[in-house]
Amino acid sequence: MKSLEYTYWKDGEFFLGYLNDYPDHMTQGNTLKELEEMLSES
């Protein structure tokens, strides 16, 4: 299983991020954990 490498930042009340292999596909979450879950489903 390959580990996910991603970039994220906090913008106001949301965490925004993308998988490093797919920088054009950003997603967001209310928490860092939620963001990680969204990225793992991508």
PDB file of N, CA and C in Angstrom:
ATOM      1  N   MET A   1       0.835  -1.180   0.000  1.00  0.00           N
ATOM      2  CA  MET A   1       0.000   0.000   0.000  1.00  0.00           C
ATOM      3  C   MET A   1       0.879   1.242   0.000  1.00  0.00           C
ATOM      4  N   LYS A   2       0.606   2.160  -0.898  1.00  0.00           N
ATOM      5  CA  LYS A   2       1.378   3.384  -1.013  1.00  0.00           C
ATOM      6  C   LYS A   2       0.842   4.429  -0.038  1.00  0.00           C
ATOM      7  N   SER A   3       1.752   5.121   0.644  1.00  0.00           N
ATOM      8  CA  SER A   3       1.296   6.176   1.545  1.00  0.00           C
ATOM      9  C   SER A   3       0.919   7.410   0.735  1.00  0.00           C
ATOM     10  N   LEU A   4      -0.019   8.158   1.246  1.00  0.00           N
ATOM     11  CA  LEU A   4      -0.472   9.370   0.572  1.00  0.00           C
ATOM     12  C   LEU A   4       0.446  10.537   0.919  1.00  0.00           C
ATOM     13  N   GLU A   5       0.920  11.208  -0.095  1.00  0.00           N
ATOM     14  CA  GLU A   5       1.693  12.425   0.114  1.00  0.00           C
ATOM     15  C   GLU A   5       0.826  13.575  -0.355  1.00  0.00           C
ATOM     16  N   TYR A   6       0.593  14.517   0.537  1.00  0.00           N
ATOM     17  CA  TYR A   6      -0.299  15.612   0.203  1.00  0.00           C
ATOM     18  C   TYR A   6       0.197  16.923   0.794  1.00  0.00           C
ATOM     19  N   THR A   7      -0.323  17.992   0.268  1.00  0.00           N
ATOM     20  CA  THR A   7      -0.037  19.331   0.733  1.00  0.00           C
ATOM     21  C   THR A   7      -1.344  19.916   1.248  1.00  0.00           C
ATOM     22  N   TYR A   8      -1.276  20.596   2.390  1.00  0.00           N
ATOM     23  CA  TYR A   8      -2.502  21.190   2.929  1.00  0.00           C
ATOM     24  C   TYR A   8      -2.190  22.502   3.629  1.00  0.00           C
ATOM     25  N   TRP A   9      -3.221  23.303   3.831  1.00  0.00           N
ATOM     26  CA  TRP A   9      -3.115  24.556   4.568  1.00  0.00           C
ATOM     27  C   TRP A   9      -4.484  24.890   5.121  1.00  0.00           C
ATOM     28  N   LYS A  10      -4.488  25.774   6.099  1.00  0.00           N
ATOM     29  CA  LYS A  10      -5.754  26.207   6.691  1.00  0.00           C
ATOM     30  C   LYS A  10      -6.098  27.569   6.106  1.00  0.00           C
ATOM     31  N   ASP A  11      -7.331  27.698   5.630  1.00  0.00           N
ATOM     32  CA  ASP A  11      -7.812  28.942   5.040  1.00  0.00           C
ATOM     33  C   ASP A  11      -9.107  29.304   5.761  1.00  0.00           C
ATOM     34  N   GLY A  12      -9.012  30.212   6.688  1.00  0.00           N
ATOM     35  CA  GLY A  12     -10.183  30.542   7.492  1.00  0.00           C
ATOM     36  C   GLY A  12     -10.538  29.372   8.382  1.00  0.00           C
ATOM     37  N   GLU A  13     -11.743  28.841   8.223  1.00  0.00           N
ATOM     38  CA  GLU A  13     -12.154  27.730   9.073  1.00  0.00           C
ATOM     39  C   GLU A  13     -12.020  26.367   8.400  1.00  0.00           C
ATOM     40  N   PHE A  14     -11.520  26.309   7.164  1.00  0.00           N
ATOM     41  CA  PHE A  14     -11.406  25.048   6.428  1.00  0.00           C
ATOM     42  C   PHE A  14      -9.952  24.675   6.191  1.00  0.00           C
ATOM     43  N   PHE A  15      -9.710  23.376   6.097  1.00  0.00           N
ATOM     44  CA  PHE A  15      -8.429  22.846   5.657  1.00  0.00           C
ATOM     45  C   PHE A  15      -8.568  22.528   4.178  1.00  0.00           C
ATOM     46  N   LEU A  16      -7.660  23.037   3.377  1.00  0.00           N
ATOM     47  CA  LEU A  16      -7.639  22.784   1.940  1.00  0.00           C
ATOM     48  C   LEU A  16      -6.409  21.963   1.630  1.00  0.00           C
ATOM     49  N   GLY A  17      -6.509  21.092   0.623  1.00  0.00           N
ATOM     50  CA  GLY A  17      -5.350  20.298   0.274  1.00  0.00           C
ATOM     51  C   GLY A  17      -5.533  19.533  -1.009  1.00  0.00           C
ATOM     52  N   TYR A  18      -4.434  18.914  -1.436  1.00  0.00           N
ATOM     53  CA  TYR A  18      -4.437  18.107  -2.651  1.00  0.00           C
ATOM     54  C   TYR A  18      -3.362  17.055  -2.544  1.00  0.00           C
ATOM     55  N   LEU A  19      -3.559  15.969  -3.286  1.00  0.00           N
ATOM     56  CA  LEU A  19      -2.530  14.937  -3.381  1.00  0.00           C
ATOM     57  C   LEU A  19      -1.395  15.491  -4.232  1.00  0.00           C
ATOM     58  N   ASN A  20      -0.166  15.283  -3.820  1.00  0.00           N
ATOM     59  CA  ASN A  20       0.972  15.835  -4.556  1.00  0.00           C
ATOM     60  C   ASN A  20       1.042  15.328  -5.988  1.00  0.00           C
ATOM     61  N   ASP A  21       0.552  14.119  -6.238  1.00  0.00           N
ATOM     62  CA  ASP A  21       0.540  13.571  -7.599  1.00  0.00           C
ATOM     63  C   ASP A  21      -0.548  14.195  -8.463  1.00  0.00           C
ATOM     64  N   TYR A  22      -1.538  14.844  -7.844  1.00  0.00           N
ATOM     65  CA  TYR A  22      -2.679  15.433  -8.567  1.00  0.00           C
ATOM     66  C   TYR A  22      -2.982  16.837  -8.031  1.00  0.00           C
ATOM     67  N   PRO A  23      -2.096  17.792  -8.240  1.00  0.00           N
ATOM     68  CA  PRO A  23      -2.270  19.125  -7.646  1.00  0.00           C
ATOM     69  C   PRO A  23      -3.467  19.910  -8.175  1.00  0.00           C
ATOM     70  N   ASP A  24      -4.032  19.511  -9.303  1.00  0.00           N
ATOM     71  CA  ASP A  24      -5.194  20.224  -9.847  1.00  0.00           C
ATOM     72  C   ASP A  24      -6.503  19.813  -9.185  1.00  0.00           C
ATOM     73  N   HIS A  25      -6.479  18.808  -8.327  1.00  0.00           N
ATOM     74  CA  HIS A  25      -7.701  18.280  -7.709  1.00  0.00           C
ATOM     75  C   HIS A  25      -7.693  18.568  -6.211  1.00  0.00           C
ATOM     76  N   MET A  26      -8.078  19.792  -5.849  1.00  0.00           N
ATOM     77  CA  MET A  26      -8.109  20.172  -4.442  1.00  0.00           C
ATOM     78  C   MET A  26      -9.421  19.739  -3.800  1.00  0.00           C
ATOM     79  N   THR A  27      -9.360  19.562  -2.494  1.00  0.00           N
ATOM     80  CA  THR A  27     -10.555  19.266  -1.711  1.00  0.00           C
ATOM     81  C   THR A  27     -10.437  19.994  -0.388  1.00  0.00           C
ATOM     82  N   GLN A  28     -11.488  19.936   0.422  1.00  0.00           N
ATOM     83  CA  GLN A  28     -11.477  20.637   1.697  1.00  0.00           C
ATOM     84  C   GLN A  28     -12.149  19.814   2.768  1.00  0.00           C
ATOM     85  N   GLY A  29     -11.867  20.173   4.012  1.00  0.00           N
ATOM     86  CA  GLY A  29     -12.504  19.535   5.148  1.00  0.00           C
ATOM     87  C   GLY A  29     -12.602  20.508   6.303  1.00  0.00           C
ATOM     88  N   ASN A  30     -13.507  20.245   7.214  1.00  0.00           N
ATOM     89  CA  ASN A  30     -13.650  21.093   8.396  1.00  0.00           C
ATOM     90  C   ASN A  30     -12.512  20.872   9.388  1.00  0.00           C
ATOM     91  N   THR A  31     -11.944  19.666   9.374  1.00  0.00           N
ATOM     92  CA  THR A  31     -10.818  19.318  10.235  1.00  0.00           C
ATOM     93  C   THR A  31      -9.738  18.673   9.372  1.00  0.00           C
ATOM     94  N   LEU A  32      -8.542  18.575   9.907  1.00  0.00           N
ATOM     95  CA  LEU A  32      -7.461  17.915   9.171  1.00  0.00           C
ATOM     96  C   LEU A  32      -7.796  16.450   8.939  1.00  0.00           C
ATOM     97  N   LYS A  33      -8.399  15.801   9.920  1.00  0.00           N
ATOM     98  CA  LYS A  33      -8.783  14.391   9.760  1.00  0.00           C
ATOM     99  C   LYS A  33      -9.796  14.239   8.626  1.00  0.00           C
ATOM    100  N   GLU A  34     -10.781  15.130   8.566  1.00  0.00           N
ATOM    101  CA  GLU A  34     -11.781  15.073   7.500  1.00  0.00           C
ATOM    102  C   GLU A  34     -11.125  15.294   6.142  1.00  0.00           C
ATOM    103  N   LEU A  35     -10.177  16.220   6.060  1.00  0.00           N
ATOM    104  CA  LEU A  35      -9.455  16.442   4.822  1.00  0.00           C
ATOM    105  C   LEU A  35      -8.708  15.185   4.400  1.00  0.00           C
ATOM    106  N   GLU A  36      -8.027  14.541   5.346  1.00  0.00           N
ATOM    107  CA  GLU A  36      -7.293  13.309   5.031  1.00  0.00           C
ATOM    108  C   GLU A  36      -8.235  12.227   4.515  1.00  0.00           C
ATOM    109  N   GLU A  37      -9.426  12.129   5.106  1.00  0.00           N
ATOM    110  CA  GLU A  37     -10.404  11.146   4.637  1.00  0.00           C
ATOM    111  C   GLU A  37     -10.850  11.454   3.216  1.00  0.00           C
ATOM    112  N   MET A  38     -11.088  12.728   2.917  1.00  0.00           N
ATOM    113  CA  MET A  38     -11.489  13.133   1.572  1.00  0.00           C
ATOM    114  C   MET A  38     -10.386  12.827   0.564  1.00  0.00           C
ATOM    115  N   LEU A  39      -9.140  13.074   0.937  1.00  0.00           N
ATOM    116  CA  LEU A  39      -8.027  12.806   0.036  1.00  0.00           C
ATOM    117  C   LEU A  39      -7.838  11.315  -0.195  1.00  0.00           C
ATOM    118  N   SER A  40      -8.078  10.509   0.824  1.00  0.00           N
ATOM    119  CA  SER A  40      -7.890   9.059   0.660  1.00  0.00           C
ATOM    120  C   SER A  40      -8.981   8.447  -0.229  1.00  0.00           C
ATOM    121  N   GLU A  41     -10.123   9.117  -0.360  1.00  0.00           N
ATOM    122  CA  GLU A  41     -11.198   8.639  -1.213  1.00  0.00           C
ATOM    123  C   GLU A  41     -11.003   9.066  -2.671  1.00  0.00           C
ATOM    124  N   SER A  42     -10.087   9.992  -2.903  1.00  0.00           N
ATOM    125  CA  SER A  42      -9.852  10.505  -4.266  1.00  0.00           C
ATOM    126  C   SER A  42      -9.218   9.462  -5.150  1.00  0.00           C
TER     127      SER A  42
END
